[in-house]
Amino acid sequence: MTNFKKQIESINKALSTSWSIESSSKWSIENPAKGHCGVTSLVVNDLLGGEILKTKLPDGWHFYNFIDGIRYDFTSSQFKESISYIDIPSNREEAYSDTNEKQYNYLKQSVLKNLGDCKSYNHL
């Protein structure tokens, strides 16, 4: 397995461990990814760069990442139906409109802490 794939797996685990009511008011035990698309796309963009893309869904815009030619949607598990991605270019400002400073800072610090605890992640 490549180092980048290990980083993606570590980030995915750190995100799912970090999501909470502190990082999204829509979070629940039953659906921990709910409401985390904007804030998650920002944190992943901080860690790995790439682009932020969006797709229009019935409840509004859904944000995710595009890195080295591959779409990464770390919060797709919040939806019961599969997503028909249309990959509209977005940016940090639009993704940030889906969150706030407190939620963003909480998630970023929690992910960084969880990554620091993860032996297979040595990116930062």
N, C-alpha and C. Protein backbone atom coordinates (compact mmCIF):
# COMPACT_ATOMS: atom_id res chain seq x y z
N MET A 1 0.85 -1.19 0.00
CA MET A 1 0.00 0.00 0.00
C MET A 1 0.89 1.24 0.00
N THR A 2 0.53 2.20 -0.82
CA THR A 2 1.34 3.41 -0.91
C THR A 2 1.20 4.26 0.34
N ASN A 3 2.17 5.12 0.55
CA ASN A 3 2.14 6.02 1.70
C ASN A 3 0.91 6.93 1.64
N PHE A 4 0.56 7.41 0.41
CA PHE A 4 -0.59 8.29 0.28
C PHE A 4 -1.88 7.57 0.67
N LYS A 5 -2.04 6.32 0.25
CA LYS A 5 -3.24 5.56 0.62
C LYS A 5 -3.31 5.36 2.13
N LYS A 6 -2.16 5.14 2.76
CA LYS A 6 -2.13 5.03 4.22
C LYS A 6 -2.54 6.34 4.87
N GLN A 7 -2.09 7.46 4.29
CA GLN A 7 -2.48 8.77 4.82
C GLN A 7 -3.99 8.97 4.70
N ILE A 8 -4.56 8.60 3.55
CA ILE A 8 -6.01 8.73 3.35
C ILE A 8 -6.76 7.89 4.39
N GLU A 9 -6.33 6.66 4.60
CA GLU A 9 -6.97 5.80 5.59
C GLU A 9 -6.85 6.40 6.99
N SER A 10 -5.69 6.92 7.31
CA SER A 10 -5.48 7.53 8.63
C SER A 10 -6.35 8.76 8.81
N ILE A 11 -6.44 9.59 7.77
CA ILE A 11 -7.28 10.78 7.84
C ILE A 11 -8.74 10.39 7.99
N ASN A 12 -9.18 9.39 7.23
CA ASN A 12 -10.57 8.94 7.32
C ASN A 12 -10.89 8.47 8.74
N LYS A 13 -9.99 7.71 9.33
CA LYS A 13 -10.19 7.24 10.71
C LYS A 13 -10.18 8.40 11.69
N ALA A 14 -9.25 9.33 11.52
CA ALA A 14 -9.17 10.49 12.42
C ALA A 14 -10.42 11.35 12.31
N LEU A 15 -10.94 11.51 11.11
CA LEU A 15 -12.17 12.29 10.93
C LEU A 15 -13.34 11.62 11.64
N SER A 16 -13.53 10.33 11.37
CA SER A 16 -14.68 9.65 11.96
C SER A 16 -14.60 9.59 13.48
N THR A 17 -13.38 9.56 14.02
CA THR A 17 -13.19 9.61 15.47
C THR A 17 -13.45 11.01 16.01
N SER A 18 -13.18 12.03 15.20
CA SER A 18 -13.26 13.43 15.64
C SER A 18 -14.65 14.04 15.51
N TRP A 19 -15.44 13.57 14.56
CA TRP A 19 -16.77 14.16 14.36
C TRP A 19 -17.58 14.09 15.65
N SER A 20 -18.22 15.20 15.98
CA SER A 20 -19.04 15.26 17.19
C SER A 20 -20.00 16.44 17.09
N ILE A 21 -20.77 16.63 18.12
CA ILE A 21 -21.69 17.77 18.19
C ILE A 21 -20.89 19.08 18.21
N GLU A 22 -19.62 19.01 18.60
CA GLU A 22 -18.76 20.20 18.61
C GLU A 22 -18.35 20.62 17.19
N SER A 23 -18.37 19.69 16.24
CA SER A 23 -17.94 20.00 14.88
C SER A 23 -19.11 20.13 13.90
N SER A 24 -20.30 19.71 14.30
CA SER A 24 -21.51 19.95 13.50
C SER A 24 -22.74 19.81 14.38
N SER A 25 -23.63 20.77 14.30
CA SER A 25 -24.87 20.72 15.08
C SER A 25 -25.80 19.61 14.57
N LYS A 26 -25.53 19.05 13.40
CA LYS A 26 -26.36 17.98 12.84
C LYS A 26 -25.84 16.58 13.20
N TRP A 27 -24.69 16.52 13.87
CA TRP A 27 -24.10 15.24 14.25
C TRP A 27 -25.05 14.45 15.13
N SER A 28 -25.04 13.12 14.98
CA SER A 28 -25.74 12.23 15.90
C SER A 28 -24.98 10.91 15.95
N ILE A 29 -25.21 10.15 16.98
CA ILE A 29 -24.56 8.84 17.11
C ILE A 29 -24.95 7.96 15.92
N GLU A 30 -26.20 8.07 15.49
CA GLU A 30 -26.69 7.26 14.38
C GLU A 30 -26.11 7.69 13.04
N ASN A 31 -25.75 8.97 12.91
CA ASN A 31 -25.24 9.49 11.64
C ASN A 31 -24.12 10.50 11.94
N PRO A 32 -22.95 10.01 12.32
CA PRO A 32 -21.88 10.93 12.75
C PRO A 32 -21.35 11.84 11.64
N ALA A 33 -21.45 11.48 10.38
CA ALA A 33 -20.94 12.32 9.29
C ALA A 33 -21.91 13.45 8.93
N LYS A 34 -23.14 13.38 9.40
CA LYS A 34 -24.16 14.35 9.00
C LYS A 34 -23.74 15.79 9.33
N GLY A 35 -23.84 16.64 8.32
CA GLY A 35 -23.55 18.06 8.50
C GLY A 35 -22.06 18.40 8.50
N HIS A 36 -21.22 17.43 8.19
CA HIS A 36 -19.77 17.65 8.26
C HIS A 36 -19.10 17.87 6.91
N CYS A 37 -19.85 17.97 5.83
CA CYS A 37 -19.17 18.00 4.53
C CYS A 37 -18.30 19.25 4.34
N GLY A 38 -18.80 20.42 4.68
CA GLY A 38 -18.03 21.64 4.49
C GLY A 38 -16.79 21.67 5.37
N VAL A 39 -16.97 21.42 6.64
CA VAL A 39 -15.85 21.50 7.58
C VAL A 39 -14.83 20.39 7.30
N THR A 40 -15.29 19.22 6.92
CA THR A 40 -14.38 18.13 6.59
C THR A 40 -13.57 18.44 5.35
N SER A 41 -14.24 18.99 4.32
CA SER A 41 -13.50 19.33 3.09
C SER A 41 -12.42 20.38 3.37
N LEU A 42 -12.68 21.28 4.28
CA LEU A 42 -11.68 22.29 4.65
C LEU A 42 -10.47 21.67 5.35
N VAL A 43 -10.73 20.80 6.31
CA VAL A 43 -9.63 20.17 7.05
C VAL A 43 -8.81 19.28 6.13
N VAL A 44 -9.46 18.52 5.26
CA VAL A 44 -8.73 17.67 4.32
C VAL A 44 -7.92 18.54 3.36
N ASN A 45 -8.49 19.66 2.94
CA ASN A 45 -7.76 20.59 2.07
C ASN A 45 -6.53 21.14 2.79
N ASP A 46 -6.64 21.43 4.08
CA ASP A 46 -5.49 21.87 4.87
C ASP A 46 -4.39 20.82 4.88
N LEU A 47 -4.78 19.57 5.03
CA LEU A 47 -3.82 18.48 5.17
C LEU A 47 -3.19 18.03 3.86
N LEU A 48 -4.01 17.97 2.80
CA LEU A 48 -3.54 17.35 1.56
C LEU A 48 -3.58 18.26 0.34
N GLY A 49 -4.12 19.46 0.49
CA GLY A 49 -4.23 20.35 -0.67
C GLY A 49 -5.33 19.88 -1.60
N GLY A 50 -5.10 20.03 -2.89
CA GLY A 50 -6.11 19.65 -3.86
C GLY A 50 -7.17 20.72 -4.01
N GLU A 51 -8.31 20.30 -4.52
CA GLU A 51 -9.43 21.20 -4.77
C GLU A 51 -10.62 20.81 -3.91
N ILE A 52 -11.51 21.76 -3.71
CA ILE A 52 -12.80 21.50 -3.08
C ILE A 52 -13.84 21.57 -4.19
N LEU A 53 -14.65 20.51 -4.28
CA LEU A 53 -15.73 20.46 -5.26
C LEU A 53 -17.06 20.41 -4.52
N LYS A 54 -18.15 20.61 -5.29
CA LYS A 54 -19.48 20.53 -4.69
C LYS A 54 -20.46 19.91 -5.69
N THR A 55 -21.52 19.35 -5.13
CA THR A 55 -22.61 18.77 -5.89
C THR A 55 -23.90 19.20 -5.23
N LYS A 56 -24.88 19.57 -6.03
CA LYS A 56 -26.18 19.99 -5.51
C LYS A 56 -27.01 18.77 -5.14
N LEU A 57 -27.48 18.74 -3.91
CA LEU A 57 -28.34 17.68 -3.41
C LEU A 57 -29.65 18.30 -2.94
N PRO A 58 -30.69 17.50 -2.70
CA PRO A 58 -31.99 18.07 -2.29
C PRO A 58 -31.91 19.01 -1.08
N ASP A 59 -31.00 18.75 -0.13
CA ASP A 59 -30.89 19.58 1.07
C ASP A 59 -29.89 20.72 0.92
N GLY A 60 -29.27 20.87 -0.25
CA GLY A 60 -28.30 21.95 -0.46
C GLY A 60 -27.01 21.42 -1.07
N TRP A 61 -25.97 22.23 -0.99
CA TRP A 61 -24.67 21.86 -1.55
C TRP A 61 -23.97 20.84 -0.67
N HIS A 62 -23.30 19.90 -1.33
CA HIS A 62 -22.48 18.91 -0.65
C HIS A 62 -21.04 19.11 -1.11
N PHE A 63 -20.13 19.29 -0.15
CA PHE A 63 -18.72 19.58 -0.44
C PHE A 63 -17.86 18.34 -0.21
N TYR A 64 -16.79 18.23 -1.00
CA TYR A 64 -15.85 17.11 -0.89
C TYR A 64 -14.55 17.52 -1.56
N ASN A 65 -13.58 16.62 -1.60
CA ASN A 65 -12.24 16.96 -2.08
C ASN A 65 -11.89 16.23 -3.37
N PHE A 66 -10.99 16.86 -4.13
CA PHE A 66 -10.45 16.30 -5.37
C PHE A 66 -8.94 16.47 -5.31
N ILE A 67 -8.24 15.35 -5.17
CA ILE A 67 -6.79 15.39 -4.95
C ILE A 67 -6.12 14.46 -5.95
N ASP A 68 -5.18 15.00 -6.69
CA ASP A 68 -4.42 14.21 -7.67
C ASP A 68 -5.32 13.39 -8.59
N GLY A 69 -6.40 14.03 -9.06
CA GLY A 69 -7.28 13.39 -10.03
C GLY A 69 -8.28 12.40 -9.46
N ILE A 70 -8.40 12.34 -8.13
CA ILE A 70 -9.32 11.40 -7.48
C ILE A 70 -10.26 12.16 -6.55
N ARG A 71 -11.55 11.82 -6.61
CA ARG A 71 -12.55 12.39 -5.72
C ARG A 71 -12.51 11.66 -4.38
N TYR A 72 -12.45 12.43 -3.30
CA TYR A 72 -12.51 11.88 -1.95
C TYR A 72 -13.68 12.53 -1.23
N ASP A 73 -14.67 11.73 -0.90
CA ASP A 73 -15.83 12.22 -0.17
C ASP A 73 -15.88 11.48 1.16
N PHE A 74 -15.29 12.10 2.16
CA PHE A 74 -15.18 11.46 3.47
C PHE A 74 -16.51 11.46 4.22
N THR A 75 -17.50 12.22 3.75
CA THR A 75 -18.78 12.30 4.47
C THR A 75 -19.95 11.69 3.70
N SER A 76 -19.68 10.92 2.68
CA SER A 76 -20.76 10.33 1.88
C SER A 76 -21.63 9.38 2.70
N SER A 77 -21.10 8.85 3.79
CA SER A 77 -21.86 7.92 4.62
C SER A 77 -23.09 8.55 5.28
N GLN A 78 -23.17 9.88 5.26
CA GLN A 78 -24.33 10.53 5.87
C GLN A 78 -25.60 10.36 5.04
N PHE A 79 -25.45 9.94 3.79
CA PHE A 79 -26.60 9.83 2.88
C PHE A 79 -27.01 8.37 2.68
N LYS A 80 -28.31 8.15 2.64
CA LYS A 80 -28.83 6.80 2.40
C LYS A 80 -28.71 6.42 0.93
N GLU A 81 -28.90 7.38 0.04
CA GLU A 81 -28.82 7.13 -1.39
C GLU A 81 -27.42 7.44 -1.89
N SER A 82 -27.05 6.81 -3.01
CA SER A 82 -25.76 7.13 -3.60
C SER A 82 -25.85 8.51 -4.25
N ILE A 83 -24.72 9.17 -4.34
CA ILE A 83 -24.65 10.53 -4.85
C ILE A 83 -24.28 10.52 -6.33
N SER A 84 -25.01 11.29 -7.12
CA SER A 84 -24.64 11.51 -8.52
C SER A 84 -23.81 12.78 -8.56
N TYR A 85 -22.51 12.61 -8.51
CA TYR A 85 -21.59 13.74 -8.43
C TYR A 85 -21.56 14.52 -9.74
N ILE A 86 -21.59 15.86 -9.61
CA ILE A 86 -21.44 16.71 -10.79
C ILE A 86 -20.17 17.54 -10.72
N ASP A 87 -19.43 17.42 -9.63
CA ASP A 87 -18.07 17.97 -9.50
C ASP A 87 -17.94 19.42 -9.97
N ILE A 88 -18.74 20.29 -9.36
CA ILE A 88 -18.65 21.72 -9.66
C ILE A 88 -17.49 22.31 -8.84
N PRO A 89 -16.57 23.02 -9.48
CA PRO A 89 -15.48 23.64 -8.71
C PRO A 89 -16.03 24.56 -7.62
N SER A 90 -15.45 24.46 -6.44
CA SER A 90 -15.83 25.31 -5.32
C SER A 90 -14.56 25.89 -4.73
N ASN A 91 -14.65 26.37 -3.49
CA ASN A 91 -13.48 26.97 -2.85
C ASN A 91 -13.67 26.94 -1.34
N ARG A 92 -12.65 27.38 -0.64
CA ARG A 92 -12.69 27.37 0.82
C ARG A 92 -13.79 28.27 1.36
N GLU A 93 -13.99 29.41 0.73
CA GLU A 93 -15.01 30.35 1.19
C GLU A 93 -16.40 29.72 1.15
N GLU A 94 -16.73 29.05 0.06
CA GLU A 94 -18.04 28.40 -0.04
C GLU A 94 -18.17 27.27 0.97
N ALA A 95 -17.13 26.45 1.10
CA ALA A 95 -17.18 25.35 2.06
C ALA A 95 -17.31 25.89 3.49
N TYR A 96 -16.64 27.00 3.76
CA TYR A 96 -16.69 27.59 5.09
C TYR A 96 -18.09 28.12 5.42
N SER A 97 -18.87 28.48 4.39
CA SER A 97 -20.23 28.96 4.64
C SER A 97 -21.12 27.86 5.22
N ASP A 98 -20.64 26.62 5.17
CA ASP A 98 -21.38 25.47 5.70
C ASP A 98 -20.99 25.16 7.15
N THR A 99 -20.11 25.96 7.74
CA THR A 99 -19.62 25.70 9.09
C THR A 99 -19.39 27.03 9.80
N ASN A 100 -18.62 27.03 10.86
CA ASN A 100 -18.23 28.27 11.53
C ASN A 100 -16.83 28.07 12.13
N GLU A 101 -16.26 29.14 12.62
CA GLU A 101 -14.89 29.09 13.11
C GLU A 101 -14.71 28.10 14.26
N LYS A 102 -15.66 28.08 15.17
CA LYS A 102 -15.55 27.18 16.33
C LYS A 102 -15.56 25.71 15.88
N GLN A 103 -16.48 25.36 14.98
CA GLN A 103 -16.56 23.98 14.50
C GLN A 103 -15.31 23.60 13.71
N TYR A 104 -14.86 24.51 12.85
CA TYR A 104 -13.67 24.27 12.04
C TYR A 104 -12.44 24.07 12.92
N ASN A 105 -12.23 24.96 13.87
CA ASN A 105 -11.06 24.85 14.75
C ASN A 105 -11.11 23.57 15.59
N TYR A 106 -12.30 23.23 16.08
CA TYR A 106 -12.45 22.01 16.87
C TYR A 106 -12.08 20.79 16.04
N LEU A 107 -12.67 20.69 14.83
CA LEU A 107 -12.42 19.51 14.01
C LEU A 107 -10.95 19.42 13.60
N LYS A 108 -10.38 20.54 13.20
CA LYS A 108 -8.98 20.52 12.77
C LYS A 108 -8.07 20.07 13.90
N GLN A 109 -8.24 20.64 15.08
CA GLN A 109 -7.38 20.28 16.22
C GLN A 109 -7.60 18.81 16.64
N SER A 110 -8.84 18.36 16.61
CA SER A 110 -9.13 16.97 16.97
C SER A 110 -8.53 16.00 15.96
N VAL A 111 -8.64 16.31 14.68
CA VAL A 111 -8.06 15.46 13.64
C VAL A 111 -6.54 15.43 13.78
N LEU A 112 -5.93 16.59 13.98
CA LEU A 112 -4.47 16.63 14.14
C LEU A 112 -4.02 15.81 15.35
N LYS A 113 -4.78 15.89 16.44
CA LYS A 113 -4.45 15.09 17.63
C LYS A 113 -4.58 13.61 17.30
N ASN A 114 -5.68 13.22 16.66
CA ASN A 114 -5.89 11.81 16.33
C ASN A 114 -4.85 11.31 15.33
N LEU A 115 -4.44 12.14 14.41
CA LEU A 115 -3.39 11.75 13.48
C LEU A 115 -2.06 11.60 14.20
N GLY A 116 -1.80 12.46 15.18
CA GLY A 116 -0.59 12.35 15.98
C GLY A 116 -0.52 11.05 16.75
N ASP A 117 -1.69 10.54 17.10
CA ASP A 117 -1.80 9.26 17.82
C ASP A 117 -1.70 8.07 16.88
N CYS A 118 -1.81 8.34 15.57
CA CYS A 118 -1.83 7.28 14.57
C CYS A 118 -0.41 7.05 14.05
N LYS A 119 0.12 5.87 14.27
CA LYS A 119 1.50 5.58 13.89
C LYS A 119 1.72 5.53 12.38
N SER A 120 0.67 5.28 11.60
CA SER A 120 0.86 5.16 10.15
C SER A 120 0.76 6.50 9.44
N TYR A 121 0.53 7.57 10.19
CA TYR A 121 0.45 8.88 9.56
C TYR A 121 1.63 9.72 10.01
N ASN A 122 2.45 10.11 9.07
CA ASN A 122 3.62 10.91 9.44
C ASN A 122 3.75 12.13 8.52
N HIS A 123 2.63 12.59 8.00
CA HIS A 123 2.61 13.72 7.06
C HIS A 123 2.95 15.03 7.74
N LEU A 124 2.47 15.25 8.95
CA LEU A 124 2.67 16.53 9.63
C LEU A 124 3.71 16.43 10.71
